[in-house]
Amino acid sequence: MFRNFRRCLFQNNYTQYFISKQTFLTNEYKCFEAWNLQTSSPLLTKVNLHDFYNILDQNYSSKGVISAIDVDVFANAVKDPVYLDELKDLLHKLRLSAETGNTLESTNHATIRNFIEFGNLHDLVQILKEPLNFGLFLDFYTANILLDKLITSENYELGANVASLIMLQEDFSNEITNTLSQYACYKYLSEHKVSLEEQPPQEEKNTKKDEIKIRVKFLRNPYFDDHFDITDLQILSGKTLAWISRSSNDNVNCNLQLIGWLFYKKYDEMLSLCEKLVATKTFKVYTELIDFIKGQSEHAEEDVKKYFAKSIEILSKAPFADIKLEESIKIAIENAINKIQNKDISDQKELFKSWEIIRQKKLEEQSKRLDRTKRMKYIEQKQKELQVEEQKLWFFENEEDIDLQIEEKEQLEDNTKSKKSTQQKSDEDYVPPEILPKKK
């Protein structure tokens, strides 16, 4: 009886363990088979990552040189999470070198896939947020896979960070990327609550009377570009919603665009868009939009509340939608996937094949270049050896010329010695001036 109970308990736990949350993207979209096929090529399987990293690290430390194709081979050959730190280090070194302009697209794709596969999502997002240090950028396919992973795990904060990176790249040509980004930002804004740690600290009154002034060479004029300089994730999420939602004029995108302008704190844009949409007579308001405006109005300053009151007044004239906004976004995601999924899958498979050809070509070019440099060094060494042999063989015929060269060298040495001696004598003979007291 007890054995049967244990078996039932194990089976229940087993089934619960494998119940996964629903994802938007299918396994076919992620192209695991095609990706594993190109990473299991004989070129990559022969690489010993430990020794290969040591060679690249020593070469960079001694010569300050690193090759983009070598980093690409390392990134595509990673099969163990142990080497993710080494991969991160190589990306940083490549970014600091002159070879950073030759970074291959497959390097970025392989790095992002590796971090996603081994579950290092937080580290991956931090690397993506530092393009100056690592030079890692998302393409549409890795962005979609990463966003789907973060949304499935309900990590909407990291999802909003990824969506904001897509917004900063200003390429909104992939509908799946757009809708997943909208969903991540919407969920983050709807569920995020400002904690005490995130609240801006109150400025302490300066009770000190003494002022300390420091001389500086120059002062840099303060400049805020309102794009790359934005650090507040709520404002970034708002701008992401506002910019991505401009790509379409359907009801869902219009409501999301208004939410975006609200959190982006562009209240003039929000108010003018409200007037424009209500005038179309086809616009429907989602109750979530009204709730967002009311929620922001509670903590807003007095000069801003007039925008919120006016917006609510205008939106109340439009009919309300009979479905939740979140459900509408999910429907938009499914429609986008059904529309372009097959195209994205075929494009990925073609990319994997082309990357394999490019990698082989780059390696052949590098090997030829290294052989050429070796031959040049060998020729230079041979020339020096021949010059020495020539001096030995023709010594008696060129004896006078050699003597003249020796005399010139001795004269140069004598001149340098005489200059040093005169400097020492002048220092010894130097008498400091006598300083007399001032006359009263």
Protein backbone atom coordinates (compact mmCIF):
# COMPACT_ATOMS: atom_id res chain seq x y z
CA MET A 1 0.00 0.00 0.00
CA PHE A 2 2.78 2.40 0.95
CA ARG A 3 4.64 1.53 -2.26
CA ASN A 4 1.54 2.36 -4.32
CA PHE A 5 1.19 5.64 -2.44
CA ARG A 6 4.80 6.54 -3.22
CA ARG A 7 4.29 5.66 -6.88
CA CYS A 8 1.18 7.86 -7.09
CA LEU A 9 2.96 10.70 -5.33
CA PHE A 10 5.92 10.45 -7.70
CA GLN A 11 3.64 10.38 -10.72
CA ASN A 12 1.75 13.46 -9.50
CA ASN A 13 5.01 15.33 -8.88
CA TYR A 14 6.33 14.18 -12.20
CA THR A 15 3.36 15.49 -14.11
CA GLN A 16 3.38 18.77 -12.20
CA TYR A 17 7.07 19.21 -12.88
CA PHE A 18 6.61 18.98 -16.64
CA ILE A 19 3.56 21.24 -16.85
CA SER A 20 4.99 24.30 -18.55
CA LYS A 21 3.43 27.68 -19.02
CA GLN A 22 2.06 28.55 -22.41
CA THR A 23 4.50 30.19 -24.78
CA PHE A 24 3.74 32.30 -27.80
CA LEU A 25 6.49 30.99 -30.09
CA THR A 26 6.56 27.39 -31.26
CA ASN A 27 9.64 25.17 -31.17
CA GLU A 28 9.70 25.31 -34.96
CA TYR A 29 10.25 29.07 -34.81
CA LYS A 30 13.30 28.64 -32.58
CA CYS A 31 14.93 26.36 -35.21
CA PHE A 32 16.78 24.20 -32.68
CA GLU A 33 17.55 21.45 -35.20
CA ALA A 34 18.94 23.81 -37.83
CA TRP A 35 20.99 25.67 -35.22
CA ASN A 36 22.42 22.50 -33.67
CA LEU A 37 23.27 21.23 -37.15
CA GLN A 38 25.46 24.23 -37.99
CA THR A 39 27.11 24.32 -34.53
CA SER A 40 27.99 20.61 -34.80
CA SER A 41 30.14 21.10 -37.90
CA PRO A 42 33.59 19.42 -37.83
CA LEU A 43 35.27 22.83 -37.60
CA LEU A 44 33.53 23.71 -34.32
CA THR A 45 33.49 20.27 -32.69
CA LYS A 46 37.30 20.01 -32.88
CA VAL A 47 37.82 23.20 -30.85
CA ASN A 48 39.18 22.73 -27.32
CA LEU A 49 37.63 25.80 -25.69
CA HIS A 50 39.95 25.81 -22.67
CA ASP A 51 43.16 25.82 -24.73
CA PHE A 52 41.65 28.09 -27.37
CA TYR A 53 40.71 30.73 -24.79
CA ASN A 54 44.20 30.63 -23.24
CA ILE A 55 45.79 31.19 -26.65
CA LEU A 56 43.49 34.13 -27.44
CA ASP A 57 44.00 35.63 -23.98
CA GLN A 58 47.80 35.36 -24.16
CA ASN A 59 47.84 36.80 -27.66
CA TYR A 60 45.76 39.77 -26.53
CA SER A 61 47.87 40.33 -23.40
CA SER A 62 51.19 40.25 -25.26
CA LYS A 63 50.28 41.89 -28.59
CA GLY A 64 46.96 43.62 -27.89
CA VAL A 65 45.45 41.85 -30.91
CA ILE A 66 42.32 39.71 -31.16
CA SER A 67 40.54 38.39 -34.24
CA ALA A 68 36.79 38.69 -34.81
CA ILE A 69 36.64 35.31 -36.53
CA ASP A 70 38.34 33.62 -33.54
CA VAL A 71 35.72 35.07 -31.18
CA ASP A 72 33.00 33.88 -33.58
CA VAL A 73 34.39 30.34 -33.53
CA PHE A 74 34.52 30.40 -29.73
CA ALA A 75 30.93 31.71 -29.43
CA ASN A 76 29.54 29.06 -31.78
CA ALA A 77 31.55 26.23 -30.18
CA VAL A 78 30.28 26.83 -26.61
CA LYS A 79 28.36 23.79 -25.35
CA ASP A 80 28.80 24.28 -21.60
CA PRO A 81 27.73 27.17 -19.32
CA VAL A 82 31.20 27.10 -17.73
CA TYR A 83 32.58 29.03 -20.71
CA LEU A 84 30.05 31.88 -20.66
CA ASP A 85 32.36 34.07 -18.56
CA GLU A 86 35.21 33.47 -21.00
CA LEU A 87 32.89 34.35 -23.89
CA LYS A 88 31.89 37.57 -22.13
CA ASP A 89 35.56 38.43 -21.59
CA LEU A 90 36.40 37.83 -25.26
CA LEU A 91 33.50 40.04 -26.37
CA HIS A 92 34.81 42.84 -24.16
CA LYS A 93 38.34 42.52 -25.52
CA LEU A 94 37.06 42.45 -29.09
CA ARG A 95 35.02 45.58 -28.43
CA LEU A 96 38.14 47.42 -27.21
CA SER A 97 40.19 46.42 -30.26
CA ALA A 98 40.27 47.74 -33.81
CA GLU A 99 38.68 44.45 -34.95
CA THR A 100 35.31 45.34 -33.43
CA GLY A 101 34.07 46.60 -36.81
CA ASN A 102 34.56 43.10 -38.25
CA THR A 103 32.32 41.39 -35.67
CA LEU A 104 30.14 38.80 -37.41
CA GLU A 105 26.36 38.62 -37.04
CA SER A 106 26.67 34.97 -36.08
CA THR A 107 28.74 35.99 -33.03
CA ASN A 108 25.87 38.03 -31.60
CA HIS A 109 23.30 35.37 -32.45
CA ALA A 110 25.33 32.52 -30.94
CA THR A 111 26.11 34.46 -27.76
CA ILE A 112 22.47 35.33 -27.13
CA ARG A 113 21.31 31.77 -27.85
CA ASN A 114 23.93 30.38 -25.45
CA PHE A 115 22.89 32.65 -22.59
CA ILE A 116 19.21 31.84 -23.18
CA GLU A 117 19.84 28.09 -23.38
CA PHE A 118 21.78 28.01 -20.11
CA GLY A 119 19.34 30.31 -18.29
CA ASN A 120 21.65 33.28 -17.67
CA LEU A 121 18.99 35.79 -18.65
CA HIS A 122 19.89 38.49 -16.13
CA ASP A 123 23.55 38.49 -17.20
CA LEU A 124 22.49 38.56 -20.85
CA VAL A 125 20.29 41.64 -20.39
CA GLN A 126 23.06 43.42 -18.50
CA ILE A 127 25.49 42.72 -21.36
CA LEU A 128 22.94 43.95 -23.92
CA LYS A 129 22.52 47.17 -21.94
CA GLU A 130 26.26 47.92 -22.26
CA PRO A 131 26.88 48.09 -26.02
CA LEU A 132 29.97 50.26 -25.59
CA ASN A 133 31.67 47.58 -23.51
CA PHE A 134 30.50 44.41 -25.27
CA GLY A 135 29.01 45.38 -28.64
CA LEU A 136 26.25 42.76 -28.39
CA PHE A 137 23.08 43.57 -30.33
CA LEU A 138 19.78 41.77 -30.85
CA ASP A 139 18.44 40.66 -34.19
CA PHE A 140 14.71 40.02 -34.68
CA TYR A 141 14.95 36.27 -34.12
CA THR A 142 16.97 36.37 -30.89
CA ALA A 143 14.82 39.27 -29.66
CA ASN A 144 11.66 37.24 -30.21
CA ILE A 145 13.07 34.13 -28.52
CA LEU A 146 14.36 36.16 -25.57
CA LEU A 147 11.12 38.13 -25.13
CA ASP A 148 9.07 34.93 -25.32
CA LYS A 149 11.28 33.35 -22.64
CA LEU A 150 10.99 36.37 -20.32
CA ILE A 151 7.24 36.72 -20.80
CA THR A 152 6.71 33.00 -20.16
CA SER A 153 8.70 33.24 -16.91
CA GLU A 154 6.73 36.41 -16.03
CA ASN A 155 9.93 38.43 -15.71
CA TYR A 156 8.37 41.56 -17.15
CA GLU A 157 11.05 43.90 -15.83
CA LEU A 158 13.77 42.23 -17.90
CA GLY A 159 11.29 41.97 -20.76
CA ALA A 160 10.69 45.73 -20.66
CA ASN A 161 14.46 46.27 -20.69
CA VAL A 162 14.80 44.12 -23.81
CA ALA A 163 11.87 45.90 -25.49
CA SER A 164 13.46 49.27 -24.77
CA LEU A 165 16.68 48.09 -26.43
CA ILE A 166 14.68 47.28 -29.56
CA MET A 167 13.13 50.74 -29.40
CA LEU A 168 16.59 52.34 -29.15
CA GLN A 169 17.62 50.52 -32.36
CA GLU A 170 14.59 52.14 -34.07
CA ASP A 171 13.80 49.20 -36.36
CA PHE A 172 10.14 48.17 -36.12
CA SER A 173 9.83 46.09 -39.28
CA ASN A 174 9.11 42.74 -37.56
CA GLU A 175 5.52 42.42 -36.31
CA ILE A 176 6.28 39.60 -33.86
CA THR A 177 9.00 41.68 -32.21
CA ASN A 178 6.68 44.69 -32.02
CA THR A 179 3.77 42.85 -30.41
CA LEU A 180 5.95 40.95 -27.92
CA SER A 181 7.64 44.22 -26.94
CA GLN A 182 4.25 45.86 -26.46
CA TYR A 183 3.07 43.01 -24.24
CA ALA A 184 6.24 43.07 -22.10
CA CYS A 185 6.05 46.84 -21.57
CA TYR A 186 2.31 46.79 -20.90
CA LYS A 187 2.64 44.03 -18.28
CA TYR A 188 5.57 45.81 -16.62
CA LEU A 189 3.69 49.12 -16.40
CA SER A 190 0.49 47.50 -15.17
CA GLU A 191 2.15 45.37 -12.47
CA HIS A 192 5.08 47.56 -11.44
CA LYS A 193 4.79 49.44 -8.17
CA VAL A 194 7.39 51.97 -7.08
CA SER A 195 9.12 50.67 -3.97
CA LEU A 196 10.74 52.77 -1.28
CA GLU A 197 14.19 51.96 -2.70
CA GLU A 198 13.22 53.28 -6.15
CA GLN A 199 11.70 56.52 -4.88
CA PRO A 200 13.96 59.51 -5.53
CA PRO A 201 15.75 60.55 -2.33
CA GLN A 202 14.79 63.87 -0.83
CA GLU A 203 17.44 66.52 -1.13
CA GLU A 204 19.05 67.27 2.19
CA LYS A 205 19.29 70.89 3.15
CA ASN A 206 22.86 72.12 3.18
CA THR A 207 23.46 73.35 6.73
CA LYS A 208 27.16 74.04 6.18
CA LYS A 209 28.13 77.66 5.81
CA ASP A 210 31.59 77.11 4.35
CA GLU A 211 31.74 76.87 0.57
CA ILE A 212 34.54 74.94 -1.08
CA LYS A 213 35.44 76.05 -4.60
CA ILE A 214 37.61 73.97 -6.90
CA ARG A 215 39.29 75.27 -10.04
CA VAL A 216 38.59 73.14 -13.11
CA LYS A 217 39.80 73.48 -16.69
CA PHE A 218 36.33 73.54 -18.22
CA LEU A 219 32.69 72.67 -17.55
CA ARG A 220 30.78 70.44 -19.92
CA ASN A 221 27.39 71.87 -20.83
CA PRO A 222 24.57 69.61 -19.58
CA TYR A 223 22.87 67.76 -22.44
CA PHE A 224 20.05 65.21 -22.41
CA ASP A 225 19.24 63.54 -25.73
CA ASP A 226 15.92 62.06 -24.48
CA HIS A 227 16.81 58.74 -26.07
CA PHE A 228 20.02 56.95 -25.06
CA ASP A 229 20.30 59.03 -21.87
CA ILE A 230 16.99 57.77 -20.43
CA THR A 231 17.60 55.51 -17.43
CA ASP A 232 14.13 55.31 -15.82
CA LEU A 233 12.59 52.02 -16.97
CA GLN A 234 9.04 53.36 -16.68
CA ILE A 235 9.86 56.24 -19.04
CA LEU A 236 11.71 53.84 -21.36
CA SER A 237 8.72 51.49 -21.40
CA GLY A 238 6.41 54.41 -22.16
CA LYS A 239 8.57 55.58 -25.04
CA THR A 240 8.78 52.01 -26.34
CA LEU A 241 4.99 51.69 -26.36
CA ALA A 242 4.55 55.11 -27.96
CA TRP A 243 7.08 54.55 -30.74
CA ILE A 244 6.27 50.94 -31.59
CA SER A 245 2.51 51.55 -31.56
CA ARG A 246 2.86 54.30 -34.18
CA SER A 247 3.53 51.63 -36.80
CA SER A 248 -0.19 50.72 -36.97
CA ASN A 249 -3.48 52.60 -36.62
CA ASP A 250 -5.69 49.81 -35.27
CA ASN A 251 -7.58 50.20 -32.01
CA VAL A 252 -5.13 48.24 -29.83
CA ASN A 253 -2.10 50.18 -31.05
CA CYS A 254 -3.87 53.52 -30.57
CA ASN A 255 -4.68 52.71 -26.94
CA LEU A 256 -1.13 51.47 -26.31
CA GLN A 257 0.26 54.60 -27.93
CA LEU A 258 -1.75 56.75 -25.51
CA ILE A 259 -0.44 54.70 -22.57
CA GLY A 260 3.05 55.17 -23.97
CA TRP A 261 2.79 58.96 -24.20
CA LEU A 262 1.37 58.96 -20.66
CA PHE A 263 4.36 57.17 -19.10
CA TYR A 264 6.79 58.92 -21.45
CA LYS A 265 5.45 62.13 -19.87
CA LYS A 266 4.66 63.73 -23.22
CA TYR A 267 1.27 65.00 -22.13
CA ASP A 268 0.82 67.35 -25.10
CA GLU A 269 1.19 64.38 -27.46
CA MET A 270 -1.27 62.34 -25.40
CA LEU A 271 -3.91 65.09 -25.36
CA SER A 272 -3.64 65.87 -29.07
CA LEU A 273 -3.83 62.15 -29.94
CA CYS A 274 -6.96 61.77 -27.76
CA GLU A 275 -8.69 64.56 -29.69
CA LYS A 276 -7.63 63.07 -33.02
CA LEU A 277 -8.77 59.52 -32.19
CA VAL A 278 -12.16 60.45 -30.73
CA ALA A 279 -12.89 62.50 -33.84
CA THR A 280 -12.53 59.39 -36.04
CA LYS A 281 -15.76 57.86 -34.61
CA THR A 282 -14.27 54.34 -34.97
CA PHE A 283 -12.02 54.51 -31.93
CA LYS A 284 -12.88 52.46 -28.85
CA VAL A 285 -11.42 53.09 -25.41
CA TYR A 286 -10.13 50.31 -23.17
CA THR A 287 -10.94 50.72 -19.49
CA GLU A 288 -7.28 49.99 -18.68
CA LEU A 289 -6.30 53.24 -20.41
CA ILE A 290 -8.63 55.26 -18.19
CA ASP A 291 -7.30 53.43 -15.11
CA PHE A 292 -3.71 54.25 -16.09
CA ILE A 293 -4.51 57.95 -16.49
CA LYS A 294 -6.36 58.08 -13.16
CA GLY A 295 -3.52 56.26 -11.41
CA GLN A 296 -0.91 58.68 -12.72
CA SER A 297 -3.13 61.65 -11.86
CA GLU A 298 -3.11 60.76 -8.16
CA HIS A 299 0.65 61.39 -7.82
CA ALA A 300 1.00 64.14 -10.43
CA GLU A 301 1.72 67.81 -9.84
CA GLU A 302 -1.05 70.37 -10.10
CA ASP A 303 0.10 71.85 -13.42
CA VAL A 304 0.00 68.37 -15.01
CA LYS A 305 -3.38 67.22 -13.67
CA LYS A 306 -5.20 69.44 -16.17
CA TYR A 307 -3.88 67.24 -19.01
CA PHE A 308 -5.21 64.11 -17.31
CA ALA A 309 -8.62 65.62 -16.59
CA LYS A 310 -8.95 66.89 -20.16
CA SER A 311 -7.88 63.53 -21.62
CA ILE A 312 -10.41 61.61 -19.52
CA GLU A 313 -13.11 64.08 -20.53
CA ILE A 314 -12.35 63.58 -24.23
CA LEU A 315 -12.00 59.78 -24.00
CA SER A 316 -15.31 59.44 -22.15
CA LYS A 317 -17.07 60.54 -25.35
CA ALA A 318 -15.82 57.44 -27.19
CA PRO A 319 -17.39 53.97 -26.82
CA PHE A 320 -15.65 51.41 -24.62
CA ALA A 321 -14.16 48.16 -25.89
CA ASP A 322 -15.87 44.97 -24.76
CA ILE A 323 -12.64 43.01 -24.19
CA LYS A 324 -9.59 43.35 -21.97
CA LEU A 325 -6.56 45.12 -23.43
CA GLU A 326 -4.24 42.28 -22.43
CA GLU A 327 -6.35 39.77 -24.34
CA SER A 328 -6.32 42.03 -27.39
CA ILE A 329 -2.51 42.22 -27.27
CA LYS A 330 -2.31 38.42 -27.05
CA ILE A 331 -4.56 38.13 -30.10
CA ALA A 332 -2.31 40.59 -31.95
CA ILE A 333 0.74 38.46 -31.05
CA GLU A 334 -0.92 35.29 -32.35
CA ASN A 335 -1.95 37.04 -35.56
CA ALA A 336 1.59 38.32 -36.12
CA ILE A 337 3.05 34.85 -35.51
CA ASN A 338 0.61 33.20 -37.91
CA LYS A 339 1.38 35.85 -40.50
CA ILE A 340 5.20 35.82 -40.66
CA GLN A 341 6.29 32.72 -38.71
CA ASN A 342 7.02 30.61 -41.80
CA LYS A 343 9.02 33.42 -43.40
CA ASP A 344 11.10 33.94 -40.24
CA ILE A 345 11.81 30.21 -39.99
CA SER A 346 13.02 29.95 -43.60
CA ASP A 347 15.08 33.14 -43.21
CA GLN A 348 16.79 31.75 -40.11
CA LYS A 349 17.72 28.50 -41.85
CA GLU A 350 19.18 30.43 -44.78
CA LEU A 351 21.13 32.65 -42.39
CA PHE A 352 22.63 29.65 -40.58
CA LYS A 353 23.87 28.20 -43.89
CA SER A 354 25.32 31.52 -45.03
CA TRP A 355 27.05 32.07 -41.68
CA GLU A 356 28.75 28.69 -41.98
CA ILE A 357 30.06 29.61 -45.44
CA ILE A 358 31.21 33.05 -44.26
CA ARG A 359 33.00 31.53 -41.25
CA GLN A 360 34.90 29.08 -43.45
CA LYS A 361 35.83 31.85 -45.87
CA LYS A 362 37.04 34.18 -43.10
CA LEU A 363 39.16 31.43 -41.57
CA GLU A 364 40.81 30.71 -44.92
CA GLU A 365 41.54 34.41 -45.39
CA GLN A 366 43.03 34.61 -41.91
CA SER A 367 45.22 31.55 -42.45
CA LYS A 368 46.51 33.00 -45.74
CA ARG A 369 47.21 36.32 -44.03
CA LEU A 370 49.12 34.60 -41.21
CA ASP A 371 51.12 32.53 -43.72
CA ARG A 372 51.99 35.72 -45.59
CA THR A 373 53.28 37.42 -42.43
CA LYS A 374 55.31 34.33 -41.54
CA ARG A 375 56.89 34.31 -44.99
CA MET A 376 57.68 38.03 -44.73
CA LYS A 377 59.39 37.52 -41.38
CA TYR A 378 61.34 34.57 -42.79
CA ILE A 379 62.49 36.64 -45.77
CA GLU A 380 63.58 39.53 -43.53
CA GLN A 381 65.54 37.16 -41.32
CA LYS A 382 67.24 35.62 -44.37
CA GLN A 383 68.17 39.07 -45.67
CA LYS A 384 69.86 39.93 -42.37
CA GLU A 385 71.77 36.64 -42.41
CA LEU A 386 72.91 37.28 -45.99
CA GLN A 387 74.14 40.76 -45.05
CA VAL A 388 76.24 39.29 -42.25
CA GLU A 389 77.67 36.66 -44.61
CA GLU A 390 78.38 39.34 -47.19
CA GLN A 391 80.38 41.37 -44.66
CA LYS A 392 82.43 38.31 -43.77
CA LEU A 393 83.14 37.32 -47.37
CA TRP A 394 84.01 40.82 -48.61
CA PHE A 395 85.74 42.07 -45.47
CA PHE A 396 89.15 42.83 -47.03
CA GLU A 397 87.66 44.57 -50.09
CA ASN A 398 85.46 46.77 -47.84
CA GLU A 399 87.94 47.22 -45.02
CA GLU A 400 88.29 50.99 -45.55
CA ASP A 401 84.52 51.54 -45.51
CA ILE A 402 84.18 49.49 -42.34
CA ASP A 403 86.94 51.53 -40.66
CA LEU A 404 85.15 54.75 -41.60
CA GLN A 405 81.90 53.47 -40.08
CA ILE A 406 83.74 52.57 -36.88
CA GLU A 407 85.29 56.06 -36.68
CA GLU A 408 81.90 57.73 -37.14
CA LYS A 409 80.43 55.68 -34.31
CA GLU A 410 83.36 56.56 -32.03
CA GLN A 411 82.95 60.28 -32.80
CA LEU A 412 79.26 60.13 -31.94
CA GLU A 413 80.07 58.45 -28.62
CA ASP A 414 82.75 61.10 -27.83
CA ASN A 415 80.30 63.93 -28.56
CA THR A 416 77.67 62.51 -26.22
CA LYS A 417 80.27 62.04 -23.45
CA SER A 418 81.56 65.62 -23.84
CA LYS A 419 78.02 67.02 -23.62
CA LYS A 420 77.37 65.12 -20.40
CA SER A 421 80.67 66.31 -18.87
CA THR A 422 79.95 69.99 -19.71
CA GLN A 423 76.52 69.69 -18.14
CA GLN A 424 78.03 68.22 -14.97
CA LYS A 425 80.66 71.00 -14.79
CA SER A 426 78.06 73.71 -15.27
CA ASP A 427 76.00 72.20 -12.46
CA GLU A 428 79.04 72.10 -10.15
CA ASP A 429 80.07 75.72 -10.92
CA TYR A 430 76.57 77.06 -10.38
CA VAL A 431 76.38 79.64 -7.56
CA PRO A 432 72.90 80.51 -6.30
CA PRO A 433 72.10 84.24 -6.05
CA GLU A 434 72.34 85.91 -2.65
CA ILE A 435 68.98 86.97 -1.25
CA LEU A 436 69.23 90.14 0.83
CA PRO A 437 66.61 91.23 3.37
CA LYS A 438 64.24 93.97 2.33
CA LYS A 439 65.14 97.50 3.39
CA LYS A 440 62.67 99.06 5.79
